[in-house]
Amino acid sequence: DVEVRYTLKNWASYKDIDMKYDSTNKDGTEQWTVNIPDFCQNTNGFQYCISYTVNGRTYWANNFGANYDASYRVYP
């Protein structure tokens, strides 16, 4: 299981979204996609981290505890 956990409110609340496996690259890295909800578009303060669970153990990719921060924009 691979999920994105994101917040628009500096972690006062958050949502989890399942990611979808796409493919494995020649170098062994994997590509995954996620559908970001429309209400996240054109906003600042979009922070996220990624979790993945293998054999019942959950691991976090969270920028060494700082999480990731992005501005998400849709351009026409």
PDB file of N, CA and C in Angstrom:
ATOM      1  N   ASP A   1       0.839  -1.182   0.000  1.00  0.00           N
ATOM      2  CA  ASP A   1       0.000   0.000   0.000  1.00  0.00           C
ATOM      3  C   ASP A   1       0.879   1.238   0.000  1.00  0.00           C
ATOM      4  N   VAL A   2       0.561   2.174  -0.866  1.00  0.00           N
ATOM      5  CA  VAL A   2       1.287   3.443  -0.930  1.00  0.00           C
ATOM      6  C   VAL A   2       0.247   4.559  -0.886  1.00  0.00           C
ATOM      7  N   GLU A   3       0.455   5.530  -0.005  1.00  0.00           N
ATOM      8  CA  GLU A   3      -0.497   6.631   0.163  1.00  0.00           C
ATOM      9  C   GLU A   3       0.231   7.968   0.245  1.00  0.00           C
ATOM     10  N   VAL A   4      -0.468   9.013  -0.157  1.00  0.00           N
ATOM     11  CA  VAL A   4      -0.036  10.382   0.080  1.00  0.00           C
ATOM     12  C   VAL A   4      -0.882  10.923   1.214  1.00  0.00           C
ATOM     13  N   ARG A   5      -0.245  11.498   2.202  1.00  0.00           N
ATOM     14  CA  ARG A   5      -0.951  12.215   3.275  1.00  0.00           C
ATOM     15  C   ARG A   5      -0.677  13.690   3.041  1.00  0.00           C
ATOM     16  N   TYR A   6      -1.745  14.484   2.949  1.00  0.00           N
ATOM     17  CA  TYR A   6      -1.554  15.902   2.653  1.00  0.00           C
ATOM     18  C   TYR A   6      -2.400  16.765   3.573  1.00  0.00           C
ATOM     19  N   THR A   7      -1.992  18.029   3.656  1.00  0.00           N
ATOM     20  CA  THR A   7      -2.722  19.016   4.442  1.00  0.00           C
ATOM     21  C   THR A   7      -2.711  20.346   3.710  1.00  0.00           C
ATOM     22  N   LEU A   8      -3.739  21.096   3.914  1.00  0.00           N
ATOM     23  CA  LEU A   8      -3.811  22.483   3.449  1.00  0.00           C
ATOM     24  C   LEU A   8      -3.854  23.427   4.644  1.00  0.00           C
ATOM     25  N   LYS A   9      -3.832  22.851   5.874  1.00  0.00           N
ATOM     26  CA  LYS A   9      -4.003  23.628   7.106  1.00  0.00           C
ATOM     27  C   LYS A   9      -2.870  23.385   8.103  1.00  0.00           C
ATOM     28  N   ASN A  10      -1.649  23.258   7.585  1.00  0.00           N
ATOM     29  CA  ASN A  10      -0.470  23.088   8.426  1.00  0.00           C
ATOM     30  C   ASN A  10      -0.629  21.948   9.436  1.00  0.00           C
ATOM     31  N   TRP A  11      -1.213  20.860   9.010  1.00  0.00           N
ATOM     32  CA  TRP A  11      -1.401  19.615   9.754  1.00  0.00           C
ATOM     33  C   TRP A  11      -2.437  19.697  10.868  1.00  0.00           C
ATOM     34  N   ALA A  12      -3.241  20.769  10.909  1.00  0.00           N
ATOM     35  CA  ALA A  12      -4.366  20.799  11.851  1.00  0.00           C
ATOM     36  C   ALA A  12      -5.383  19.732  11.447  1.00  0.00           C
ATOM     37  N   SER A  13      -5.435  19.435  10.158  1.00  0.00           N
ATOM     38  CA  SER A  13      -6.220  18.322   9.625  1.00  0.00           C
ATOM     39  C   SER A  13      -5.498  17.814   8.386  1.00  0.00           C
ATOM     40  N   TYR A  14      -5.774  16.586   7.993  1.00  0.00           N
ATOM     41  CA  TYR A  14      -5.120  16.005   6.821  1.00  0.00           C
ATOM     42  C   TYR A  14      -6.018  14.942   6.199  1.00  0.00           C
ATOM     43  N   LYS A  15      -5.657  14.540   4.992  1.00  0.00           N
ATOM     44  CA  LYS A  15      -6.357  13.478   4.260  1.00  0.00           C
ATOM     45  C   LYS A  15      -5.316  12.519   3.704  1.00  0.00           C
ATOM     46  N   ASP A  16      -5.708  11.265   3.542  1.00  0.00           N
ATOM     47  CA  ASP A  16      -4.874  10.255   2.906  1.00  0.00           C
ATOM     48  C   ASP A  16      -5.501   9.853   1.573  1.00  0.00           C
ATOM     49  N   ILE A  17      -4.658   9.703   0.552  1.00  0.00           N
ATOM     50  CA  ILE A  17      -5.121   9.282  -0.771  1.00  0.00           C
ATOM     51  C   ILE A  17      -4.244   8.126  -1.232  1.00  0.00           C
ATOM     52  N   ASP A  18      -4.865   7.047  -1.694  1.00  0.00           N
ATOM     53  CA  ASP A  18      -4.119   5.916  -2.240  1.00  0.00           C
ATOM     54  C   ASP A  18      -3.420   6.309  -3.533  1.00  0.00           C
ATOM     55  N   MET A  19      -2.203   5.804  -3.702  1.00  0.00           N
ATOM     56  CA  MET A  19      -1.480   6.004  -4.951  1.00  0.00           C
ATOM     57  C   MET A  19      -1.640   4.748  -5.807  1.00  0.00           C
ATOM     58  N   LYS A  20      -1.484   4.900  -7.112  1.00  0.00           N
ATOM     59  CA  LYS A  20      -1.635   3.796  -8.058  1.00  0.00           C
ATOM     60  C   LYS A  20      -0.290   3.496  -8.704  1.00  0.00           C
ATOM     61  N   TYR A  21       0.099   2.225  -8.662  1.00  0.00           N
ATOM     62  CA  TYR A  21       1.348   1.799  -9.298  1.00  0.00           C
ATOM     63  C   TYR A  21       1.214   1.905 -10.807  1.00  0.00           C
ATOM     64  N   ASP A  22       2.225   2.483 -11.458  1.00  0.00           N
ATOM     65  CA  ASP A  22       2.232   2.599 -12.915  1.00  0.00           C
ATOM     66  C   ASP A  22       3.212   1.636 -13.565  1.00  0.00           C
ATOM     67  N   SER A  23       4.490   1.737 -13.191  1.00  0.00           N
ATOM     68  CA  SER A  23       5.495   0.917 -13.874  1.00  0.00           C
ATOM     69  C   SER A  23       6.806   0.934 -13.093  1.00  0.00           C
ATOM     70  N   THR A  24       7.714   0.053 -13.511  1.00  0.00           N
ATOM     71  CA  THR A  24       9.065   0.026 -12.962  1.00  0.00           C
ATOM     72  C   THR A  24      10.026   0.465 -14.055  1.00  0.00           C
ATOM     73  N   ASN A  25      10.907   1.395 -13.723  1.00  0.00           N
ATOM     74  CA  ASN A  25      11.900   1.898 -14.666  1.00  0.00           C
ATOM     75  C   ASN A  25      13.056   0.918 -14.817  1.00  0.00           C
ATOM     76  N   LYS A  26      13.876   1.111 -15.824  1.00  0.00           N
ATOM     77  CA  LYS A  26      15.026   0.236 -16.083  1.00  0.00           C
ATOM     78  C   LYS A  26      15.993   0.199 -14.908  1.00  0.00           C
ATOM     79  N   ASP A  27      16.065   1.307 -14.154  1.00  0.00           N
ATOM     80  CA  ASP A  27      17.001   1.360 -13.019  1.00  0.00           C
ATOM     81  C   ASP A  27      16.405   0.767 -11.736  1.00  0.00           C
ATOM     82  N   GLY A  28      15.176   0.237 -11.825  1.00  0.00           N
ATOM     83  CA  GLY A  28      14.544  -0.401 -10.676  1.00  0.00           C
ATOM     84  C   GLY A  28      13.643   0.514  -9.862  1.00  0.00           C
ATOM     85  N   THR A  29      13.672   1.824 -10.122  1.00  0.00           N
ATOM     86  CA  THR A  29      12.771   2.732  -9.428  1.00  0.00           C
ATOM     87  C   THR A  29      11.360   2.566  -9.975  1.00  0.00           C
ATOM     88  N   GLU A  30      10.397   2.918  -9.180  1.00  0.00           N
ATOM     89  CA  GLU A  30       8.995   2.737  -9.577  1.00  0.00           C
ATOM     90  C   GLU A  30       8.325   4.078  -9.796  1.00  0.00           C
ATOM     91  N   GLN A  31       7.319   4.083 -10.655  1.00  0.00           N
ATOM     92  CA  GLN A  31       6.498   5.270 -10.885  1.00  0.00           C
ATOM     93  C   GLN A  31       5.099   5.001 -10.350  1.00  0.00           C
ATOM     94  N   TRP A  32       4.591   5.962  -9.594  1.00  0.00           N
ATOM     95  CA  TRP A  32       3.262   5.890  -9.000  1.00  0.00           C
ATOM     96  C   TRP A  32       2.528   7.184  -9.324  1.00  0.00           C
ATOM     97  N   THR A  33       1.207   7.143  -9.386  1.00  0.00           N
ATOM     98  CA  THR A  33       0.420   8.353  -9.623  1.00  0.00           C
ATOM     99  C   THR A  33      -0.618   8.509  -8.519  1.00  0.00           C
ATOM    100  N   VAL A  34      -1.075   9.744  -8.370  1.00  0.00           N
ATOM    101  CA  VAL A  34      -2.113  10.057  -7.402  1.00  0.00           C
ATOM    102  C   VAL A  34      -2.999  11.129  -8.013  1.00  0.00           C
ATOM    103  N   ASN A  35      -4.284  11.036  -7.780  1.00  0.00           N
ATOM    104  CA  ASN A  35      -5.224  12.051  -8.239  1.00  0.00           C
ATOM    105  C   ASN A  35      -5.470  13.038  -7.103  1.00  0.00           C
ATOM    106  N   ILE A  36      -4.956  14.237  -7.277  1.00  0.00           N
ATOM    107  CA  ILE A  36      -5.115  15.291  -6.281  1.00  0.00           C
ATOM    108  C   ILE A  36      -6.512  15.898  -6.445  1.00  0.00           C
ATOM    109  N   PRO A  37      -7.278  16.033  -5.375  1.00  0.00           N
ATOM    110  CA  PRO A  37      -8.628  16.602  -5.475  1.00  0.00           C
ATOM    111  C   PRO A  37      -8.629  18.010  -6.062  1.00  0.00           C
ATOM    112  N   ASP A  38      -9.697  18.340  -6.761  1.00  0.00           N
ATOM    113  CA  ASP A  38      -9.816  19.645  -7.413  1.00  0.00           C
ATOM    114  C   ASP A  38      -9.681  20.805  -6.436  1.00  0.00           C
ATOM    115  N   PHE A  39     -10.178  20.659  -5.201  1.00  0.00           N
ATOM    116  CA  PHE A  39     -10.124  21.788  -4.267  1.00  0.00           C
ATOM    117  C   PHE A  39      -8.701  22.109  -3.828  1.00  0.00           C
ATOM    118  N   CYS A  40      -7.731  21.273  -4.155  1.00  0.00           N
ATOM    119  CA  CYS A  40      -6.330  21.554  -3.839  1.00  0.00           C
ATOM    120  C   CYS A  40      -5.667  22.397  -4.920  1.00  0.00           C
ATOM    121  N   GLN A  41      -6.352  22.561  -6.037  1.00  0.00           N
ATOM    122  CA  GLN A  41      -5.767  23.306  -7.146  1.00  0.00           C
ATOM    123  C   GLN A  41      -5.657  24.784  -6.805  1.00  0.00           C
ATOM    124  N   ASN A  42      -4.630  25.394  -7.375  1.00  0.00           N
ATOM    125  CA  ASN A  42      -4.404  26.831  -7.236  1.00  0.00           C
ATOM    126  C   ASN A  42      -4.377  27.279  -5.776  1.00  0.00           C
ATOM    127  N   THR A  43      -3.618  26.557  -4.982  1.00  0.00           N
ATOM    128  CA  THR A  43      -3.516  26.877  -3.561  1.00  0.00           C
ATOM    129  C   THR A  43      -2.062  26.868  -3.120  1.00  0.00           C
ATOM    130  N   ASN A  44      -1.770  27.604  -2.098  1.00  0.00           N
ATOM    131  CA  ASN A  44      -0.462  27.551  -1.448  1.00  0.00           C
ATOM    132  C   ASN A  44      -0.626  26.746  -0.170  1.00  0.00           C
ATOM    133  N   GLY A  45       0.470  26.316   0.410  1.00  0.00           N
ATOM    134  CA  GLY A  45       0.398  25.597   1.676  1.00  0.00           C
ATOM    135  C   GLY A  45       0.076  24.128   1.542  1.00  0.00           C
ATOM    136  N   PHE A  46       0.241  23.559   0.353  1.00  0.00           N
ATOM    137  CA  PHE A  46       0.009  22.136   0.141  1.00  0.00           C
ATOM    138  C   PHE A  46       1.249  21.393   0.638  1.00  0.00           C
ATOM    139  N   GLN A  47       1.115  20.724   1.785  1.00  0.00           N
ATOM    140  CA  GLN A  47       2.208  19.954   2.367  1.00  0.00           C
ATOM    141  C   GLN A  47       1.840  18.479   2.309  1.00  0.00           C
ATOM    142  N   TYR A  48       2.856  17.629   2.112  1.00  0.00           N
ATOM    143  CA  TYR A  48       2.553  16.203   1.999  1.00  0.00           C
ATOM    144  C   TYR A  48       3.734  15.339   2.417  1.00  0.00           C
ATOM    145  N   CYS A  49       3.434  14.088   2.652  1.00  0.00           N
ATOM    146  CA  CYS A  49       4.414  13.042   2.856  1.00  0.00           C
ATOM    147  C   CYS A  49       3.832  11.771   2.251  1.00  0.00           C
ATOM    148  N   ILE A  50       4.658  10.763   2.119  1.00  0.00           N
ATOM    149  CA  ILE A  50       4.219   9.516   1.484  1.00  0.00           C
ATOM    150  C   ILE A  50       4.507   8.369   2.439  1.00  0.00           C
ATOM    151  N   SER A  51       3.540   7.469   2.564  1.00  0.00           N
ATOM    152  CA  SER A  51       3.761   6.267   3.365  1.00  0.00           C
ATOM    153  C   SER A  51       3.607   5.045   2.477  1.00  0.00           C
ATOM    154  N   TYR A  52       4.353   4.016   2.818  1.00  0.00           N
ATOM    155  CA  TYR A  52       4.197   2.733   2.130  1.00  0.00           C
ATOM    156  C   TYR A  52       4.320   1.617   3.148  1.00  0.00           C
ATOM    157  N   THR A  53       3.505   0.606   2.958  1.00  0.00           N
ATOM    158  CA  THR A  53       3.454  -0.513   3.894  1.00  0.00           C
ATOM    159  C   THR A  53       3.896  -1.785   3.184  1.00  0.00           C
ATOM    160  N   VAL A  54       4.873  -2.465   3.776  1.00  0.00           N
ATOM    161  CA  VAL A  54       5.419  -3.707   3.234  1.00  0.00           C
ATOM    162  C   VAL A  54       5.472  -4.724   4.361  1.00  0.00           C
ATOM    163  N   ASN A  55       4.879  -5.892   4.142  1.00  0.00           N
ATOM    164  CA  ASN A  55       4.883  -6.965   5.141  1.00  0.00           C
ATOM    165  C   ASN A  55       4.407  -6.479   6.508  1.00  0.00           C
ATOM    166  N   GLY A  56       3.373  -5.632   6.506  1.00  0.00           N
ATOM    167  CA  GLY A  56       2.771  -5.165   7.743  1.00  0.00           C
ATOM    168  C   GLY A  56       3.498  -4.024   8.433  1.00  0.00           C
ATOM    169  N   ARG A  57       4.603  -3.548   7.867  1.00  0.00           N
ATOM    170  CA  ARG A  57       5.357  -2.455   8.470  1.00  0.00           C
ATOM    171  C   ARG A  57       5.237  -1.209   7.600  1.00  0.00           C
ATOM    172  N   THR A  58       4.933  -0.064   8.217  1.00  0.00           N
ATOM    173  CA  THR A  58       4.753   1.191   7.488  1.00  0.00           C
ATOM    174  C   THR A  58       6.016   2.030   7.564  1.00  0.00           C
ATOM    175  N   TYR A  59       6.421   2.559   6.415  1.00  0.00           N
ATOM    176  CA  TYR A  59       7.584   3.435   6.287  1.00  0.00           C
ATOM    177  C   TYR A  59       7.105   4.791   5.771  1.00  0.00           C
ATOM    178  N   TRP A  60       7.830   5.848   6.120  1.00  0.00           N
ATOM    179  CA  TRP A  60       7.452   7.200   5.709  1.00  0.00           C
ATOM    180  C   TRP A  60       8.568   7.852   4.915  1.00  0.00           C
ATOM    181  N   ALA A  61       8.191   8.469   3.813  1.00  0.00           N
ATOM    182  CA  ALA A  61       9.074   9.354   3.056  1.00  0.00           C
ATOM    183  C   ALA A  61       8.573  10.757   3.378  1.00  0.00           C
ATOM    184  N   ASN A  62       9.275  11.432   4.275  1.00  0.00           N
ATOM    185  CA  ASN A  62       8.760  12.708   4.788  1.00  0.00           C
ATOM    186  C   ASN A  62       9.818  13.797   4.854  1.00  0.00           C
ATOM    187  N   ASN A  63      10.790  13.735   3.940  1.00  0.00           N
ATOM    188  CA  ASN A  63      11.819  14.776   3.869  1.00  0.00           C
ATOM    189  C   ASN A  63      12.537  14.920   5.212  1.00  0.00           C
ATOM    190  N   PHE A  64      12.881  13.773   5.797  1.00  0.00           N
ATOM    191  CA  PHE A  64      13.600  13.732   7.074  1.00  0.00           C
ATOM    192  C   PHE A  64      12.853  14.463   8.186  1.00  0.00           C
ATOM    193  N   GLY A  65      11.524  14.297   8.201  1.00  0.00           N
ATOM    194  CA  GLY A  65      10.694  14.885   9.242  1.00  0.00           C
ATOM    195  C   GLY A  65      10.171  16.279   8.922  1.00  0.00           C
ATOM    196  N   ALA A  66      10.647  16.875   7.841  1.00  0.00           N
ATOM    197  CA  ALA A  66      10.219  18.238   7.481  1.00  0.00           C
ATOM    198  C   ALA A  66       9.018  18.239   6.544  1.00  0.00           C
ATOM    199  N   ASN A  67       8.645  17.079   6.044  1.00  0.00           N
ATOM    200  CA  ASN A  67       7.581  16.929   5.045  1.00  0.00           C
ATOM    201  C   ASN A  67       7.918  17.699   3.778  1.00  0.00           C
ATOM    202  N   TYR A  68       7.102  17.535   2.776  1.00  0.00           N
ATOM    203  CA  TYR A  68       7.307  18.215   1.502  1.00  0.00           C
ATOM    204  C   TYR A  68       6.284  19.334   1.389  1.00  0.00           C
ATOM    205  N   ASP A  69       6.668  20.403   0.749  1.00  0.00           N
ATOM    206  CA  ASP A  69       5.821  21.588   0.614  1.00  0.00           C
ATOM    207  C   ASP A  69       5.780  21.945  -0.864  1.00  0.00           C
ATOM    208  N   ALA A  70       4.584  22.185  -1.374  1.00  0.00           N
ATOM    209  CA  ALA A  70       4.454  22.491  -2.801  1.00  0.00           C
ATOM    210  C   ALA A  70       3.306  23.453  -3.028  1.00  0.00           C
ATOM    211  N   SER A  71       3.432  24.226  -4.050  1.00  0.00           N
ATOM    212  CA  SER A  71       2.313  25.007  -4.560  1.00  0.00           C
ATOM    213  C   SER A  71       1.789  24.251  -5.774  1.00  0.00           C
ATOM    214  N   TYR A  72       0.516  24.008  -5.805  1.00  0.00           N
ATOM    215  CA  TYR A  72      -0.094  23.214  -6.870  1.00  0.00           C
ATOM    216  C   TYR A  72      -0.931  24.139  -7.711  1.00  0.00           C
ATOM    217  N   ARG A  73      -0.605  24.250  -8.988  1.00  0.00           N
ATOM    218  CA  ARG A  73      -1.299  25.155  -9.887  1.00  0.00           C
ATOM    219  C   ARG A  73      -1.736  24.405 -11.136  1.00  0.00           C
ATOM    220  N   VAL A  74      -2.883  24.793 -11.664  1.00  0.00           N
ATOM    221  CA  VAL A  74      -3.365  24.271 -12.940  1.00  0.00           C
ATOM    222  C   VAL A  74      -3.326  25.420 -13.934  1.00  0.00           C
ATOM    223  N   TYR A  75      -2.621  25.221 -15.022  1.00  0.00           N
ATOM    224  CA  TYR A  75      -2.515  26.257 -16.045  1.00  0.00           C
ATOM    225  C   TYR A  75      -3.340  25.843 -17.259  1.00  0.00           C
ATOM    226  N   PRO A  76      -4.050  26.811 -17.832  1.00  0.00           N
ATOM    227  CA  PRO A  76      -4.902  26.495 -19.001  1.00  0.00           C
ATOM    228  C   PRO A  76      -4.090  26.087 -20.215  1.00  0.00           C
TER     229      PRO A  76
END
